[in-house]
Amino acid sequence: MRKKVTVAATLALPARFRGGVTFRRRVVILALALALGVALALSSAGPAFAEVTKQTEHVMNQDGVGYYAEDAAHLTRQTNGISIRVSVPVPQPNDYTYPAGGVPTPSASPEVFTGWAFVFNYPDECANGPGECSGPDLFNPDVEAGVYNFAGHPTGAGGNLVLTGSIQVGQPAGGPPGSTMAPLSNPEGAEVHMAIAPHGLIDPINMPAQANTPVGSPACGCWWVAEFAP
């Protein structure tokens, strides 16, 4: 049979025991408070790790037939944006198709290359459906498409050309005149086309503008492209 301890009996205990009882109770209360605080902090912070989706695609030849570099383009999707990394052998001067006009005579290195991302936020609205978005869909307001210059720099002959960059949700976009130029709003469901554009021999007088100016078009046959389906 458990012995009932009255308040009077407790007060009759020596001080060291009374203090011990109080101390233990305080420890328990403090531990519970800390546990509750941690639980509330975790619940308000959301998931411990944001969901990440990674895709890898081949980079097509300029004419769209065959691959220039296999498994060379990488897209990472997160709730707050996307990032792109592409690494391909450096195209050799005079050994590929250059855009018509506006390109310094290609005769040596270093040459300038830029990376472009064509983002179709709602590919279900593309004329041919998801996975088949194309240039005309940039002008369809229901698609909410935009174009981004995610990287660009000069590089010498030999080795690899590496272009990397990130695009955040809401980041202003560009595009051809008359296109919607919508910012990225659906990073996890957008269709993304990556293009490498050649600018020919570096023009020091026109740098850094040369490394972020559009050149060519989808019809020029002068881009190396990788497409990431939603």
C-alpha atoms as a PDB file:
ATOM      1  CA  MET A   1       0.000   0.000   0.000  1.00  0.00           C
ATOM      2  CA  ARG A   2       1.367   3.356  -1.048  1.00  0.00           C
ATOM      3  CA  LYS A   3       1.850   5.832   1.723  1.00  0.00           C
ATOM      4  CA  LYS A   4       0.074   9.113   1.154  1.00  0.00           C
ATOM      5  CA  VAL A   5       2.319  12.066   1.729  1.00  0.00           C
ATOM      6  CA  THR A   6       0.431  15.123   2.918  1.00  0.00           C
ATOM      7  CA  VAL A   7       1.547  18.691   2.453  1.00  0.00           C
ATOM      8  CA  ALA A   8       2.268  18.855   6.148  1.00  0.00           C
ATOM      9  CA  ALA A   9       4.365  15.710   5.976  1.00  0.00           C
ATOM     10  CA  THR A  10       6.258  17.121   3.030  1.00  0.00           C
ATOM     11  CA  LEU A  11       6.993  20.328   4.867  1.00  0.00           C
ATOM     12  CA  ALA A  12       8.236  18.197   7.754  1.00  0.00           C
ATOM     13  CA  LEU A  13      10.915  16.646   5.544  1.00  0.00           C
ATOM     14  CA  PRO A  14      14.442  17.941   5.847  1.00  0.00           C
ATOM     15  CA  ALA A  15      15.153  20.917   3.525  1.00  0.00           C
ATOM     16  CA  ARG A  16      17.453  18.872   1.253  1.00  0.00           C
ATOM     17  CA  PHE A  17      14.596  16.486   0.417  1.00  0.00           C
ATOM     18  CA  ARG A  18      12.044  19.222  -0.086  1.00  0.00           C
ATOM     19  CA  GLY A  19      14.428  20.976  -2.444  1.00  0.00           C
ATOM     20  CA  GLY A  20      15.072  17.682  -4.279  1.00  0.00           C
ATOM     21  CA  VAL A  21      11.374  17.164  -4.960  1.00  0.00           C
ATOM     22  CA  THR A  22      11.006  20.720  -6.257  1.00  0.00           C
ATOM     23  CA  PHE A  23      14.133  20.469  -8.398  1.00  0.00           C
ATOM     24  CA  ARG A  24      12.968  17.259 -10.086  1.00  0.00           C
ATOM     25  CA  ARG A  25       9.607  18.801 -10.868  1.00  0.00           C
ATOM     26  CA  ARG A  26      11.310  21.829 -12.381  1.00  0.00           C
ATOM     27  CA  VAL A  27      13.530  19.595 -14.511  1.00  0.00           C
ATOM     28  CA  VAL A  28      10.504  17.690 -15.824  1.00  0.00           C
ATOM     29  CA  ILE A  29       8.617  20.903 -16.593  1.00  0.00           C
ATOM     30  CA  LEU A  30      11.682  22.400 -18.325  1.00  0.00           C
ATOM     31  CA  ALA A  31      12.211  19.261 -20.421  1.00  0.00           C
ATOM     32  CA  LEU A  32       8.569  19.278 -21.526  1.00  0.00           C
ATOM     33  CA  ALA A  33       8.777  22.956 -22.408  1.00  0.00           C
ATOM     34  CA  LEU A  34      11.907  22.418 -24.479  1.00  0.00           C
ATOM     35  CA  ALA A  35      10.351  19.461 -26.312  1.00  0.00           C
ATOM     36  CA  LEU A  36       7.245  21.508 -27.085  1.00  0.00           C
ATOM     37  CA  GLY A  37       9.381  24.406 -28.312  1.00  0.00           C
ATOM     38  CA  VAL A  38      11.360  22.166 -30.675  1.00  0.00           C
ATOM     39  CA  ALA A  39       8.154  20.598 -32.023  1.00  0.00           C
ATOM     40  CA  LEU A  40       6.628  24.024 -32.686  1.00  0.00           C
ATOM     41  CA  ALA A  41       9.801  25.249 -34.375  1.00  0.00           C
ATOM     42  CA  LEU A  42       9.913  22.232 -36.690  1.00  0.00           C
ATOM     43  CA  SER A  43       6.222  22.516 -37.556  1.00  0.00           C
ATOM     44  CA  SER A  44       6.552  26.218 -38.412  1.00  0.00           C
ATOM     45  CA  ALA A  45       9.720  25.700 -40.465  1.00  0.00           C
ATOM     46  CA  GLY A  46       8.057  23.204 -42.817  1.00  0.00           C
ATOM     47  CA  PRO A  47       9.884  20.176 -44.297  1.00  0.00           C
ATOM     48  CA  ALA A  48      13.460  19.711 -43.160  1.00  0.00           C
ATOM     49  CA  PHE A  49      14.614  19.359 -46.770  1.00  0.00           C
ATOM     50  CA  ALA A  50      13.044  20.891 -49.893  1.00  0.00           C
ATOM     51  CA  GLU A  51      12.123  18.391 -52.567  1.00  0.00           C
ATOM     52  CA  VAL A  52      14.696  18.293 -55.377  1.00  0.00           C
ATOM     53  CA  THR A  53      14.220  16.788 -58.833  1.00  0.00           C
ATOM     54  CA  LYS A  54      17.195  16.270 -61.151  1.00  0.00           C
ATOM     55  CA  GLN A  55      17.116  15.564 -64.878  1.00  0.00           C
ATOM     56  CA  THR A  56      19.890  14.767 -67.361  1.00  0.00           C
ATOM     57  CA  GLU A  57      19.595  15.053 -71.134  1.00  0.00           C
ATOM     58  CA  HIS A  58      21.773  14.776 -74.243  1.00  0.00           C
ATOM     59  CA  VAL A  59      22.877  17.907 -76.079  1.00  0.00           C
ATOM     60  CA  MET A  60      21.859  17.769 -79.726  1.00  0.00           C
ATOM     61  CA  ASN A  61      24.014  18.704 -82.715  1.00  0.00           C
ATOM     62  CA  GLN A  62      23.349  22.096 -84.249  1.00  0.00           C
ATOM     63  CA  ASP A  63      21.216  20.605 -87.011  1.00  0.00           C
ATOM     64  CA  GLY A  64      19.144  18.691 -84.464  1.00  0.00           C
ATOM     65  CA  VAL A  65      20.300  15.320 -85.805  1.00  0.00           C
ATOM     66  CA  GLY A  66      22.278  13.136 -83.415  1.00  0.00           C
ATOM     67  CA  TYR A  67      24.054  14.086 -80.226  1.00  0.00           C
ATOM     68  CA  TYR A  68      26.903  16.523 -79.768  1.00  0.00           C
ATOM     69  CA  ALA A  69      27.415  15.380 -76.147  1.00  0.00           C
ATOM     70  CA  GLU A  70      25.546  12.633 -74.304  1.00  0.00           C
ATOM     71  CA  ASP A  71      24.248  13.148 -70.765  1.00  0.00           C
ATOM     72  CA  ALA A  72      25.833  16.592 -70.784  1.00  0.00           C
ATOM     73  CA  ALA A  73      22.973  18.860 -69.708  1.00  0.00           C
ATOM     74  CA  HIS A  74      21.605  18.825 -66.168  1.00  0.00           C
ATOM     75  CA  LEU A  75      18.511  20.509 -64.742  1.00  0.00           C
ATOM     76  CA  THR A  76      17.714  20.717 -61.035  1.00  0.00           C
ATOM     77  CA  ARG A  77      14.182  21.643 -59.989  1.00  0.00           C
ATOM     78  CA  GLN A  78      13.148  22.979 -56.586  1.00  0.00           C
ATOM     79  CA  THR A  79      10.078  24.788 -55.321  1.00  0.00           C
ATOM     80  CA  ASN A  80      11.876  28.147 -55.448  1.00  0.00           C
ATOM     81  CA  GLY A  81      13.610  27.841 -58.835  1.00  0.00           C
ATOM     82  CA  ILE A  82      15.740  25.846 -61.240  1.00  0.00           C
ATOM     83  CA  SER A  83      19.450  25.518 -61.945  1.00  0.00           C
ATOM     84  CA  ILE A  84      21.186  24.433 -65.144  1.00  0.00           C
ATOM     85  CA  ARG A  85      24.630  23.003 -65.773  1.00  0.00           C
ATOM     86  CA  VAL A  86      25.950  21.953 -69.165  1.00  0.00           C
ATOM     87  CA  SER A  87      29.429  20.670 -70.012  1.00  0.00           C
ATOM     88  CA  VAL A  88      30.364  19.894 -73.617  1.00  0.00           C
ATOM     89  CA  PRO A  89      33.601  19.735 -75.630  1.00  0.00           C
ATOM     90  CA  VAL A  90      34.554  23.244 -76.748  1.00  0.00           C
ATOM     91  CA  PRO A  91      33.423  23.716 -80.367  1.00  0.00           C
ATOM     92  CA  GLN A  92      36.498  24.355 -82.499  1.00  0.00           C
ATOM     93  CA  PRO A  93      36.778  27.647 -84.452  1.00  0.00           C
ATOM     94  CA  ASN A  94      35.518  27.433 -88.050  1.00  0.00           C
ATOM     95  CA  ASP A  95      34.318  23.875 -87.430  1.00  0.00           C
ATOM     96  CA  TYR A  96      30.634  24.585 -86.781  1.00  0.00           C
ATOM     97  CA  THR A  97      27.759  26.813 -87.938  1.00  0.00           C
ATOM     98  CA  TYR A  98      27.848  30.465 -86.899  1.00  0.00           C
ATOM     99  CA  PRO A  99      24.825  32.783 -86.716  1.00  0.00           C
ATOM    100  CA  ALA A 100      24.459  35.019 -89.741  1.00  0.00           C
ATOM    101  CA  GLY A 101      25.529  38.621 -89.156  1.00  0.00           C
ATOM    102  CA  GLY A 102      26.804  40.351 -86.075  1.00  0.00           C
ATOM    103  CA  VAL A 103      29.496  37.789 -85.306  1.00  0.00           C
ATOM    104  CA  PRO A 104      33.198  38.762 -85.449  1.00  0.00           C
ATOM    105  CA  THR A 105      35.101  36.747 -88.035  1.00  0.00           C
ATOM    106  CA  PRO A 106      35.758  33.346 -86.436  1.00  0.00           C
ATOM    107  CA  SER A 107      39.389  32.546 -87.011  1.00  0.00           C
ATOM    108  CA  ALA A 108      40.910  31.805 -83.637  1.00  0.00           C
ATOM    109  CA  SER A 109      40.128  31.485 -79.980  1.00  0.00           C
ATOM    110  CA  PRO A 110      38.927  32.514 -77.483  1.00  0.00           C
ATOM    111  CA  GLU A 111      35.363  32.534 -78.675  1.00  0.00           C
ATOM    112  CA  VAL A 112      32.263  33.557 -76.730  1.00  0.00           C
ATOM    113  CA  PHE A 113      29.387  31.171 -75.935  1.00  0.00           C
ATOM    114  CA  THR A 114      26.181  31.916 -74.073  1.00  0.00           C
ATOM    115  CA  GLY A 115      23.595  29.715 -72.360  1.00  0.00           C
ATOM    116  CA  TRP A 116      19.859  30.331 -72.743  1.00  0.00           C
ATOM    117  CA  ALA A 117      16.846  28.791 -71.020  1.00  0.00           C
ATOM    118  CA  PHE A 118      13.444  28.802 -72.695  1.00  0.00           C
ATOM    119  CA  VAL A 119      10.908  28.210 -69.934  1.00  0.00           C
ATOM    120  CA  PHE A 120       7.356  27.113 -70.752  1.00  0.00           C
ATOM    121  CA  ASN A 121       5.593  27.340 -67.383  1.00  0.00           C
ATOM    122  CA  TYR A 122       2.445  25.518 -68.474  1.00  0.00           C
ATOM    123  CA  PRO A 123       3.399  23.059 -71.225  1.00  0.00           C
ATOM    124  CA  ASP A 124      -0.110  21.558 -71.285  1.00  0.00           C
ATOM    125  CA  GLU A 125      -1.098  24.757 -73.095  1.00  0.00           C
ATOM    126  CA  CYS A 126       1.543  24.369 -75.835  1.00  0.00           C
ATOM    127  CA  ALA A 127       0.091  23.783 -79.285  1.00  0.00           C
ATOM    128  CA  ASN A 128       1.449  20.221 -79.444  1.00  0.00           C
ATOM    129  CA  GLY A 129       1.197  19.459 -75.744  1.00  0.00           C
ATOM    130  CA  PRO A 130       3.855  18.880 -73.066  1.00  0.00           C
ATOM    131  CA  GLY A 131       7.215  17.700 -74.321  1.00  0.00           C
ATOM    132  CA  GLU A 132       6.576  19.384 -77.687  1.00  0.00           C
ATOM    133  CA  CYS A 133       6.709  23.103 -76.884  1.00  0.00           C
ATOM    134  CA  SER A 134       8.354  25.261 -79.548  1.00  0.00           C
ATOM    135  CA  GLY A 135       9.018  28.842 -80.652  1.00  0.00           C
ATOM    136  CA  PRO A 136       5.424  29.868 -81.442  1.00  0.00           C
ATOM    137  CA  ASP A 137       4.371  28.878 -77.923  1.00  0.00           C
ATOM    138  CA  LEU A 138       6.454  31.767 -76.576  1.00  0.00           C
ATOM    139  CA  PHE A 139       3.668  34.040 -77.820  1.00  0.00           C
ATOM    140  CA  ASN A 140       0.775  32.117 -76.242  1.00  0.00           C
ATOM    141  CA  PRO A 141      -0.215  33.883 -72.992  1.00  0.00           C
ATOM    142  CA  ASP A 142      -1.722  30.668 -71.615  1.00  0.00           C
ATOM    143  CA  VAL A 143       1.702  28.988 -71.747  1.00  0.00           C
ATOM    144  CA  GLU A 144       3.365  31.807 -69.788  1.00  0.00           C
ATOM    145  CA  ALA A 145       6.774  31.388 -71.386  1.00  0.00           C
ATOM    146  CA  GLY A 146       9.955  33.377 -70.915  1.00  0.00           C
ATOM    147  CA  VAL A 147      13.618  33.354 -71.942  1.00  0.00           C
ATOM    148  CA  TYR A 148      16.639  33.661 -69.658  1.00  0.00           C
ATOM    149  CA  ASN A 149      20.344  34.184 -70.283  1.00  0.00           C
ATOM    150  CA  PHE A 150      21.712  31.961 -67.512  1.00  0.00           C
ATOM    151  CA  ALA A 151      25.424  32.084 -68.416  1.00  0.00           C
ATOM    152  CA  GLY A 152      27.995  33.312 -70.924  1.00  0.00           C
ATOM    153  CA  HIS A 153      31.750  33.749 -71.239  1.00  0.00           C
ATOM    154  CA  PRO A 154      34.723  33.406 -73.602  1.00  0.00           C
ATOM    155  CA  THR A 155      36.606  30.132 -73.742  1.00  0.00           C
ATOM    156  CA  GLY A 156      39.711  28.897 -75.514  1.00  0.00           C
ATOM    157  CA  ALA A 157      39.981  25.917 -77.834  1.00  0.00           C
ATOM    158  CA  GLY A 158      40.299  22.508 -76.206  1.00  0.00           C
ATOM    159  CA  GLY A 159      38.830  21.131 -73.030  1.00  0.00           C
ATOM    160  CA  ASN A 160      35.208  21.563 -72.041  1.00  0.00           C
ATOM    161  CA  LEU A 161      32.799  24.455 -72.277  1.00  0.00           C
ATOM    162  CA  VAL A 162      30.927  24.660 -68.974  1.00  0.00           C
ATOM    163  CA  LEU A 163      27.913  26.923 -68.479  1.00  0.00           C
ATOM    164  CA  THR A 164      26.026  27.081 -65.175  1.00  0.00           C
ATOM    165  CA  GLY A 165      23.317  29.289 -63.753  1.00  0.00           C
ATOM    166  CA  SER A 166      20.154  29.514 -61.680  1.00  0.00           C
ATOM    167  CA  ILE A 167      16.726  31.051 -62.215  1.00  0.00           C
ATOM    168  CA  GLN A 168      14.483  31.977 -59.293  1.00  0.00           C
ATOM    169  CA  VAL A 169      10.697  31.962 -59.165  1.00  0.00           C
ATOM    170  CA  GLY A 170       9.464  35.435 -60.123  1.00  0.00           C
ATOM    171  CA  GLN A 171      12.753  36.447 -61.765  1.00  0.00           C
ATOM    172  CA  PRO A 172      11.997  38.749 -64.724  1.00  0.00           C
ATOM    173  CA  ALA A 173      12.309  37.074 -68.117  1.00  0.00           C
ATOM    174  CA  GLY A 174      13.030  38.283 -71.625  1.00  0.00           C
ATOM    175  CA  GLY A 175      12.008  37.002 -75.020  1.00  0.00           C
ATOM    176  CA  PRO A 176      11.382  37.951 -78.646  1.00  0.00           C
ATOM    177  CA  PRO A 177       9.361  41.146 -79.216  1.00  0.00           C
ATOM    178  CA  GLY A 178       5.681  40.390 -78.761  1.00  0.00           C
ATOM    179  CA  SER A 179       6.220  37.265 -76.653  1.00  0.00           C
ATOM    180  CA  THR A 180       4.725  36.928 -73.193  1.00  0.00           C
ATOM    181  CA  MET A 181       8.072  37.218 -71.371  1.00  0.00           C
ATOM    182  CA  ALA A 182       6.500  35.621 -68.295  1.00  0.00           C
ATOM    183  CA  PRO A 183       8.708  34.972 -65.250  1.00  0.00           C
ATOM    184  CA  LEU A 184       9.356  31.491 -63.925  1.00  0.00           C
ATOM    185  CA  SER A 185       6.328  30.442 -61.873  1.00  0.00           C
ATOM    186  CA  ASN A 186       6.149  26.651 -62.161  1.00  0.00           C
ATOM    187  CA  PRO A 187       9.679  25.314 -61.626  1.00  0.00           C
ATOM    188  CA  GLU A 188       8.568  21.756 -60.894  1.00  0.00           C
ATOM    189  CA  GLY A 189       6.225  21.446 -63.880  1.00  0.00           C
ATOM    190  CA  ALA A 190       7.687  23.700 -66.566  1.00  0.00           C
ATOM    191  CA  GLU A 191       9.169  22.443 -69.814  1.00  0.00           C
ATOM    192  CA  VAL A 192      12.690  23.840 -70.184  1.00  0.00           C
ATOM    193  CA  HIS A 193      14.788  24.055 -73.333  1.00  0.00           C
ATOM    194  CA  MET A 194      18.487  24.833 -72.932  1.00  0.00           C
ATOM    195  CA  ALA A 195      20.427  26.344 -75.842  1.00  0.00           C
ATOM    196  CA  ILE A 196      24.123  27.118 -76.303  1.00  0.00           C
ATOM    197  CA  ALA A 197      24.646  30.005 -78.730  1.00  0.00           C
ATOM    198  CA  PRO A 198      28.000  30.799 -80.408  1.00  0.00           C
ATOM    199  CA  HIS A 199      29.121  34.410 -80.747  1.00  0.00           C
ATOM    200  CA  GLY A 200      32.389  33.879 -82.592  1.00  0.00           C
ATOM    201  CA  LEU A 201      35.695  35.512 -81.747  1.00  0.00           C
ATOM    202  CA  ILE A 202      35.682  37.582 -78.574  1.00  0.00           C
ATOM    203  CA  ASP A 203      35.230  41.304 -79.164  1.00  0.00           C
ATOM    204  CA  PRO A 204      36.940  43.021 -76.181  1.00  0.00           C
ATOM    205  CA  ILE A 205      35.312  46.366 -77.003  1.00  0.00           C
ATOM    206  CA  ASN A 206      31.868  44.738 -76.801  1.00  0.00           C
ATOM    207  CA  MET A 207      32.402  42.847 -73.548  1.00  0.00           C
ATOM    208  CA  PRO A 208      30.600  41.977 -71.334  1.00  0.00           C
ATOM    209  CA  ALA A 209      27.574  42.746 -73.532  1.00  0.00           C
ATOM    210  CA  GLN A 210      28.715  40.107 -76.024  1.00  0.00           C
ATOM    211  CA  ALA A 211      28.301  37.456 -73.327  1.00  0.00           C
ATOM    212  CA  ASN A 212      24.633  38.236 -72.624  1.00  0.00           C
ATOM    213  CA  THR A 213      23.240  39.380 -75.987  1.00  0.00           C
ATOM    214  CA  PRO A 214      20.856  37.106 -77.916  1.00  0.00           C
ATOM    215  CA  VAL A 215      22.220  35.744 -81.170  1.00  0.00           C
ATOM    216  CA  GLY A 216      20.639  33.428 -83.733  1.00  0.00           C
ATOM    217  CA  SER A 217      17.192  31.846 -83.512  1.00  0.00           C
ATOM    218  CA  PRO A 218      15.639  28.373 -83.322  1.00  0.00           C
ATOM    219  CA  ALA A 219      15.667  28.318 -87.128  1.00  0.00           C
ATOM    220  CA  CYS A 220      19.323  29.284 -87.567  1.00  0.00           C
ATOM    221  CA  GLY A 221      20.685  25.760 -87.106  1.00  0.00           C
ATOM    222  CA  CYS A 222      23.434  27.288 -84.994  1.00  0.00           C
ATOM    223  CA  TRP A 223      22.410  26.328 -81.459  1.00  0.00           C
ATOM    224  CA  TRP A 224      23.209  23.210 -79.455  1.00  0.00           C
ATOM    225  CA  VAL A 225      19.995  22.288 -77.631  1.00  0.00           C
ATOM    226  CA  ALA A 226      18.835  20.039 -74.798  1.00  0.00           C
ATOM    227  CA  GLU A 227      15.168  19.709 -73.871  1.00  0.00           C
ATOM    228  CA  PHE A 228      13.830  18.859 -70.430  1.00  0.00           C
ATOM    229  CA  ALA A 229      10.280  17.547 -70.434  1.00  0.00           C
ATOM    230  CA  PRO A 230       8.067  18.346 -67.425  1.00  0.00           C
END
